[in-house]
Amino acid sequence: MKLVLSQEQRHLRESVRAFLRAASPLPKARQGYDPQVYARLNGELGLSGLIIPEEYGGAGAGLAELAVALEETGAALLPGPFLTTAFAVFALTATPGEELLSAIAEGRTTATLARHGLEAPDDATVSGTLPQVLSGMDADVLLARAGDVLVAVELSAPGVTRTALETLDLTRGQAKVTLRGAPCQVLGPWPEIDDLVAVALAAEQLGVMRAALDAIVAYAKVRVAFGRYIGSYQGVKHKLADMHCKLEQAESIVRYAAWAADESPGELPEAAALAQAYVGRACFEVARDHLLLFGGIGFTWEHDAHLFYKRAKADEVLLGPPRIHRARLAQLLEL
């Protein structure tokens, strides 16, 4: 088991972090999805093809490397369909969908994934309504479960209606997608990828946690109240220490789950359930407490604290509330 990043993974982390710091700082994240940032992200770093097999034009890396990238995109609150495209790649790799994988690896296509909601396809068309599709307004292709099969639908095709939703997370939108006889491509049986999706989301949540904690620690070192830096008050120090402990535990859980996905698939179900049972709630608690420790300024629209709070809450419930994952973990452990 490897819980420490390799030298190559550390280099990847620094490259992604430096790129996002320059190309997508937090003030820009408020503006939403920028296709030019994605074009550079894929052209300069090749992140869209990171986990795509080499025969389809990707780098052939594992989930451990993807987790490193997702931690940085989470810390930057990167808008747009990077996370959902990773979800789609899990499905396409298991199927596989050669043409779509090549298009994603080349940066020509972004995708989103819907795990429920469509009727079984009929004569190469599909119908149904998906009430909430993550990055549904930004992605080019929808991969969805229709009956027991995986289908691909071009979101610009006839028969497809997308309606932007007003959501909690300002930095990553959702859409209602309605399909009425939309042309589709049946790719194969629906693959079991829920565990991979859970680990990828946990990696993003780890990045949100880390960035939130870094921000409030920096603030505690410069904010003065009653003649003292607030970081010197016992109540603040204890709260920051608690947040740090949650971060350390979350990092170990995510690193283990990503390792299991790559090296020990038999351990993945328990690791993935643990990741969402613990990391989702811990991420929200850290983001909540960091906002509270900022005091009144943290509640203002102009401050970034509420952006982390909202991303943390949206991510926490994206795959269902933590109690669902705790129940699944208990079942897997026969408790």
Protein backbone atom coordinates (compact mmCIF):
# COMPACT_ATOMS: atom_id res chain seq x y z
CA MET A 1 0.00 0.00 0.00
CA LYS A 2 1.31 3.48 -0.93
CA LEU A 3 0.02 6.51 0.98
CA VAL A 4 2.87 8.83 -0.02
CA LEU A 5 3.08 10.49 -3.43
CA SER A 6 5.86 9.41 -5.74
CA GLN A 7 8.26 11.93 -7.25
CA GLU A 8 6.33 11.85 -10.55
CA GLN A 9 3.04 12.45 -8.75
CA ARG A 10 4.52 15.39 -6.84
CA HIS A 11 5.71 16.89 -10.12
CA LEU A 12 2.22 16.44 -11.56
CA ARG A 13 0.73 18.15 -8.53
CA GLU A 14 3.06 21.14 -8.82
CA SER A 15 2.42 21.48 -12.56
CA VAL A 16 -1.36 21.44 -12.19
CA ARG A 17 -1.23 23.78 -9.18
CA ALA A 18 0.96 26.31 -10.99
CA PHE A 19 -1.22 26.20 -14.10
CA LEU A 20 -4.47 26.72 -12.19
CA ARG A 21 -2.99 29.50 -10.09
CA ALA A 22 -2.22 31.41 -13.29
CA ALA A 23 -5.09 30.38 -15.57
CA SER A 24 -8.02 29.93 -13.17
CA PRO A 25 -7.61 31.91 -9.93
CA LEU A 26 -10.58 32.06 -7.57
CA PRO A 27 -11.94 35.38 -8.89
CA LYS A 28 -12.15 33.77 -12.33
CA ALA A 29 -13.93 30.71 -10.90
CA ARG A 30 -16.90 32.95 -10.11
CA GLN A 31 -17.33 33.55 -13.85
CA GLY A 32 -18.03 29.90 -14.60
CA TYR A 33 -16.77 27.57 -17.29
CA ASP A 34 -14.15 28.94 -19.66
CA PRO A 35 -13.47 26.67 -22.68
CA GLN A 36 -10.14 28.41 -23.26
CA VAL A 37 -8.90 27.31 -19.85
CA TYR A 38 -9.86 23.75 -20.72
CA ALA A 39 -8.13 23.96 -24.08
CA ARG A 40 -4.92 25.03 -22.33
CA LEU A 41 -5.39 22.47 -19.55
CA ASN A 42 -5.52 19.72 -22.13
CA GLY A 43 -3.04 21.19 -24.59
CA GLU A 44 -0.32 22.07 -22.08
CA LEU A 45 -0.83 19.36 -19.44
CA GLY A 46 -2.82 16.68 -21.26
CA LEU A 47 -5.09 16.16 -18.25
CA SER A 48 -8.12 15.11 -20.27
CA GLY A 49 -6.26 11.99 -21.39
CA LEU A 50 -4.52 11.29 -18.11
CA ILE A 51 -6.25 7.97 -17.35
CA ILE A 52 -7.18 7.06 -20.91
CA PRO A 53 -5.22 4.03 -22.18
CA GLU A 54 -2.30 4.78 -24.47
CA GLU A 55 -3.87 2.95 -27.42
CA TYR A 56 -6.57 5.65 -27.49
CA GLY A 57 -4.14 8.54 -27.27
CA GLY A 58 -4.07 8.95 -23.49
CA ALA A 59 -1.28 8.81 -20.93
CA GLY A 60 -2.39 5.49 -19.45
CA ALA A 61 -2.01 6.72 -15.87
CA GLY A 62 -3.92 5.33 -12.91
CA LEU A 63 -6.50 6.65 -10.50
CA ALA A 64 -3.71 7.65 -8.12
CA GLU A 65 -2.50 10.21 -10.68
CA LEU A 66 -6.04 11.35 -11.44
CA ALA A 67 -6.61 11.85 -7.71
CA VAL A 68 -3.59 14.17 -7.59
CA ALA A 69 -5.01 16.27 -10.43
CA LEU A 70 -8.51 16.32 -8.97
CA GLU A 71 -7.19 17.46 -5.62
CA GLU A 72 -5.72 20.52 -7.33
CA THR A 73 -8.80 21.26 -9.45
CA GLY A 74 -10.87 20.97 -6.28
CA ALA A 75 -8.62 23.38 -4.41
CA ALA A 76 -8.97 25.86 -7.28
CA LEU A 77 -12.76 25.28 -7.49
CA LEU A 78 -12.24 24.77 -11.22
CA PRO A 79 -15.56 25.32 -13.03
CA GLY A 80 -16.69 23.14 -15.88
CA PRO A 81 -16.78 19.47 -16.79
CA PHE A 82 -13.34 18.18 -15.76
CA LEU A 83 -14.74 15.98 -12.98
CA THR A 84 -17.68 14.76 -15.05
CA THR A 85 -15.41 13.96 -17.99
CA ALA A 86 -13.34 11.79 -15.64
CA PHE A 87 -16.55 9.99 -14.62
CA ALA A 88 -17.37 9.45 -18.29
CA VAL A 89 -13.89 8.07 -18.99
CA PHE A 90 -14.43 5.42 -16.30
CA ALA A 91 -17.51 4.24 -18.20
CA LEU A 92 -15.91 4.45 -21.62
CA THR A 93 -12.81 2.56 -20.52
CA ALA A 94 -14.93 -0.25 -19.14
CA THR A 95 -17.09 -0.47 -22.27
CA PRO A 96 -14.90 0.71 -24.19
CA GLY A 97 -15.91 3.56 -26.49
CA GLU A 98 -12.88 3.98 -28.72
CA GLU A 99 -13.94 7.05 -30.71
CA LEU A 100 -15.07 9.01 -27.69
CA LEU A 101 -11.99 8.08 -25.70
CA SER A 102 -9.76 9.36 -28.49
CA ALA A 103 -11.76 12.59 -28.77
CA ILE A 104 -11.53 13.20 -25.03
CA ALA A 105 -7.81 12.41 -24.98
CA GLU A 106 -7.20 14.94 -27.75
CA GLY A 107 -9.20 17.58 -25.88
CA ARG A 108 -11.86 17.81 -28.60
CA THR A 109 -14.73 16.58 -26.44
CA THR A 110 -15.93 17.00 -22.88
CA ALA A 111 -18.51 14.71 -21.34
CA THR A 112 -20.85 14.21 -18.44
CA LEU A 113 -22.33 11.09 -16.89
CA ALA A 114 -25.85 10.31 -15.69
CA ARG A 115 -26.19 7.04 -13.81
CA HIS A 116 -30.01 6.92 -13.73
CA GLY A 117 -33.11 8.11 -15.46
CA LEU A 118 -33.49 7.15 -19.14
CA GLU A 119 -35.72 4.64 -20.84
CA ALA A 120 -34.22 1.75 -22.77
CA PRO A 121 -33.16 2.91 -26.26
CA ASP A 122 -35.45 2.24 -29.22
CA ASP A 123 -34.15 2.16 -32.81
CA ALA A 124 -31.01 4.12 -31.98
CA THR A 125 -32.95 6.85 -30.19
CA VAL A 126 -33.52 7.47 -26.51
CA SER A 127 -36.05 9.41 -24.44
CA GLY A 128 -36.37 10.51 -20.86
CA THR A 129 -35.72 13.37 -18.46
CA LEU A 130 -32.65 13.84 -16.30
CA PRO A 131 -33.56 16.44 -13.67
CA GLN A 132 -30.00 17.24 -12.57
CA VAL A 133 -26.97 16.68 -14.78
CA LEU A 134 -23.66 17.97 -13.45
CA SER A 135 -22.03 20.33 -15.97
CA GLY A 136 -24.93 19.59 -18.29
CA MET A 137 -24.71 22.99 -19.97
CA ASP A 138 -20.96 22.74 -20.55
CA ALA A 139 -20.35 19.19 -21.74
CA ASP A 140 -20.46 18.09 -25.38
CA VAL A 141 -21.58 14.49 -24.84
CA LEU A 142 -23.89 12.84 -22.35
CA LEU A 143 -23.18 9.28 -21.27
CA ALA A 144 -26.18 7.79 -19.53
CA ARG A 145 -27.73 4.60 -18.29
CA ALA A 146 -30.72 3.70 -20.45
CA GLY A 147 -32.27 0.52 -19.19
CA ASP A 148 -29.29 -1.78 -18.73
CA VAL A 149 -27.03 -0.26 -21.37
CA LEU A 150 -24.66 2.68 -21.70
CA VAL A 151 -25.61 5.19 -24.37
CA ALA A 152 -23.87 8.29 -25.70
CA VAL A 153 -25.87 11.33 -26.79
CA GLU A 154 -24.54 14.47 -28.43
CA LEU A 155 -25.99 17.28 -26.35
CA SER A 156 -26.28 19.52 -29.40
CA ALA A 157 -28.32 16.91 -31.31
CA PRO A 158 -32.00 17.30 -32.25
CA GLY A 159 -34.38 16.05 -29.60
CA VAL A 160 -32.17 17.31 -26.76
CA THR A 161 -33.30 20.19 -24.55
CA ARG A 162 -31.04 21.61 -21.86
CA THR A 163 -32.23 23.99 -19.17
CA ALA A 164 -29.74 25.61 -16.81
CA LEU A 165 -30.60 25.22 -13.13
CA GLU A 166 -30.05 27.67 -10.32
CA THR A 167 -27.85 25.70 -7.95
CA LEU A 168 -26.04 26.14 -4.65
CA ASP A 169 -22.54 25.82 -6.14
CA LEU A 170 -21.82 28.94 -8.16
CA THR A 171 -18.62 27.51 -9.61
CA ARG A 172 -20.07 24.40 -11.27
CA GLY A 173 -23.50 24.36 -12.81
CA GLN A 174 -26.13 21.72 -13.43
CA ALA A 175 -28.80 21.34 -16.07
CA LYS A 176 -32.11 19.61 -16.63
CA VAL A 177 -31.73 17.50 -19.76
CA THR A 178 -34.80 16.29 -21.64
CA LEU A 179 -34.47 13.78 -24.47
CA ARG A 180 -37.30 13.18 -26.92
CA GLY A 181 -36.26 10.63 -29.52
CA ALA A 182 -32.69 11.91 -29.42
CA PRO A 183 -30.21 9.97 -31.56
CA CYS A 184 -27.88 7.87 -29.46
CA GLN A 185 -25.08 5.36 -29.75
CA VAL A 186 -25.41 2.19 -27.70
CA LEU A 187 -21.94 1.44 -26.36
CA GLY A 188 -22.56 -1.76 -24.44
CA PRO A 189 -23.77 -3.04 -21.07
CA TRP A 190 -23.83 -0.54 -18.23
CA PRO A 191 -20.48 -0.84 -16.40
CA GLU A 192 -20.14 -0.93 -12.62
CA ILE A 193 -18.13 2.21 -11.96
CA ASP A 194 -19.74 3.61 -8.80
CA ASP A 195 -16.67 2.89 -6.69
CA LEU A 196 -14.36 4.70 -9.10
CA VAL A 197 -16.71 7.68 -9.19
CA ALA A 198 -16.76 7.77 -5.38
CA VAL A 199 -12.96 7.82 -5.14
CA ALA A 200 -12.60 10.52 -7.80
CA LEU A 201 -15.11 12.74 -6.01
CA ALA A 202 -13.34 12.17 -2.69
CA ALA A 203 -10.09 13.35 -4.29
CA GLU A 204 -11.74 16.62 -5.30
CA GLN A 205 -13.18 16.98 -1.80
CA LEU A 206 -9.71 16.53 -0.34
CA GLY A 207 -8.53 19.50 -2.41
CA VAL A 208 -11.45 21.65 -1.23
CA MET A 209 -10.58 20.78 2.38
CA ARG A 210 -6.92 21.61 1.97
CA ALA A 211 -7.53 24.95 0.30
CA ALA A 212 -10.11 25.97 2.91
CA LEU A 213 -7.79 25.10 5.78
CA ASP A 214 -4.81 26.86 4.16
CA ALA A 215 -6.91 30.00 3.71
CA ILE A 216 -8.07 30.24 7.31
CA VAL A 217 -4.63 29.39 8.73
CA ALA A 218 -3.14 32.24 6.70
CA TYR A 219 -5.89 34.57 7.91
CA ALA A 220 -5.39 33.56 11.56
CA LYS A 221 -1.76 34.67 11.29
CA VAL A 222 -2.59 38.24 10.24
CA ARG A 223 -6.02 39.07 11.70
CA VAL A 224 -5.76 40.99 14.97
CA ALA A 225 -8.58 41.12 17.53
CA PHE A 226 -8.29 42.74 20.95
CA GLY A 227 -4.61 43.34 20.37
CA ARG A 228 -3.72 39.74 19.52
CA TYR A 229 -3.54 37.61 16.41
CA ILE A 230 -6.66 35.45 16.42
CA GLY A 231 -4.49 32.38 15.81
CA SER A 232 -3.10 32.82 19.33
CA TYR A 233 -6.50 32.28 20.98
CA GLN A 234 -7.01 28.81 22.38
CA GLY A 235 -10.46 28.37 20.85
CA VAL A 236 -9.15 29.16 17.37
CA LYS A 237 -6.04 26.99 17.76
CA HIS A 238 -8.10 23.99 18.88
CA LYS A 239 -10.53 24.39 16.01
CA LEU A 240 -7.70 24.62 13.47
CA ALA A 241 -6.07 21.54 14.99
CA ASP A 242 -9.34 19.61 14.67
CA MET A 243 -9.64 20.67 11.04
CA HIS A 244 -6.06 19.59 10.36
CA CYS A 245 -6.73 16.15 11.87
CA LYS A 246 -9.75 15.71 9.60
CA LEU A 247 -7.62 16.66 6.62
CA GLU A 248 -4.88 14.18 7.52
CA GLN A 249 -7.38 11.35 7.93
CA ALA A 250 -9.10 12.25 4.67
CA GLU A 251 -5.80 12.27 2.79
CA SER A 252 -4.91 8.78 4.04
CA ILE A 253 -8.35 7.49 3.06
CA VAL A 254 -8.18 8.99 -0.44
CA ARG A 255 -4.63 7.79 -1.08
CA TYR A 256 -5.58 4.29 0.04
CA ALA A 257 -8.73 4.22 -2.09
CA ALA A 258 -6.85 5.40 -5.18
CA TRP A 259 -4.16 2.78 -4.57
CA ALA A 260 -6.82 0.09 -4.21
CA ALA A 261 -8.42 1.11 -7.50
CA ASP A 262 -5.09 0.68 -9.29
CA GLU A 263 -3.45 -2.19 -7.44
CA SER A 264 -5.99 -4.13 -5.37
CA PRO A 265 -9.51 -4.06 -6.87
CA GLY A 266 -10.76 -6.50 -4.23
CA GLU A 267 -10.28 -3.82 -1.58
CA LEU A 268 -11.88 -1.06 -3.64
CA PRO A 269 -15.56 -1.43 -2.59
CA GLU A 270 -14.77 -0.94 1.10
CA ALA A 271 -12.24 1.81 0.37
CA ALA A 272 -14.67 3.71 -1.86
CA ALA A 273 -17.52 3.44 0.65
CA LEU A 274 -15.21 4.66 3.41
CA ALA A 275 -14.04 7.56 1.24
CA GLN A 276 -17.55 8.90 0.76
CA ALA A 277 -18.72 8.04 4.27
CA TYR A 278 -15.88 10.05 5.84
CA VAL A 279 -14.44 12.53 3.35
CA GLY A 280 -17.74 14.06 2.20
CA ARG A 281 -18.83 15.01 5.71
CA ALA A 282 -15.31 16.03 6.78
CA CYS A 283 -14.96 18.30 3.74
CA PHE A 284 -18.19 20.08 4.56
CA GLU A 285 -17.27 20.46 8.23
CA VAL A 286 -13.87 21.96 7.40
CA ALA A 287 -15.40 24.34 4.84
CA ARG A 288 -18.13 25.33 7.31
CA ASP A 289 -15.71 25.96 10.18
CA HIS A 290 -13.30 27.90 7.99
CA LEU A 291 -16.15 30.20 6.97
CA LEU A 292 -17.18 30.71 10.61
CA LEU A 293 -13.61 31.47 11.71
CA PHE A 294 -13.39 34.23 9.13
CA GLY A 295 -16.10 36.00 11.10
CA GLY A 296 -18.35 38.56 9.48
CA ILE A 297 -16.17 39.02 6.40
CA GLY A 298 -16.58 35.32 5.58
CA PHE A 299 -20.32 35.82 5.05
CA THR A 300 -19.93 38.59 2.49
CA TRP A 301 -20.59 37.94 -1.18
CA GLU A 302 -17.16 39.28 -2.13
CA HIS A 303 -15.23 36.81 0.03
CA ASP A 304 -14.24 33.37 -1.28
CA ALA A 305 -15.19 31.43 1.87
CA HIS A 306 -18.77 30.85 0.77
CA LEU A 307 -17.56 29.40 -2.53
CA PHE A 308 -15.74 26.60 -0.69
CA TYR A 309 -18.69 26.09 1.62
CA LYS A 310 -21.08 25.67 -1.30
CA ARG A 311 -18.79 23.38 -3.30
CA ALA A 312 -18.30 21.22 -0.19
CA LYS A 313 -22.04 20.88 0.41
CA ALA A 314 -22.79 20.20 -3.26
CA ASP A 315 -20.10 17.50 -3.38
CA GLU A 316 -21.23 15.96 -0.10
CA VAL A 317 -24.67 15.07 -1.47
CA LEU A 318 -23.69 14.47 -5.12
CA LEU A 319 -23.63 10.68 -4.68
CA GLY A 320 -26.19 10.62 -1.88
CA PRO A 321 -25.87 11.63 1.78
CA PRO A 322 -23.08 10.11 3.90
CA ARG A 323 -25.51 7.79 5.72
CA ILE A 324 -25.97 5.82 2.48
CA HIS A 325 -22.24 5.19 2.23
CA ARG A 326 -21.97 4.35 5.93
CA ALA A 327 -24.72 1.76 5.50
CA ARG A 328 -22.99 0.28 2.47
CA LEU A 329 -19.67 0.14 4.31
CA ALA A 330 -21.32 -1.62 7.24
CA GLN A 331 -22.88 -4.14 4.86
CA LEU A 332 -19.56 -4.80 3.12
CA LEU A 333 -17.89 -5.34 6.49
CA GLU A 334 -20.80 -7.55 7.63
CA LEU A 335 -21.46 -5.36 10.65
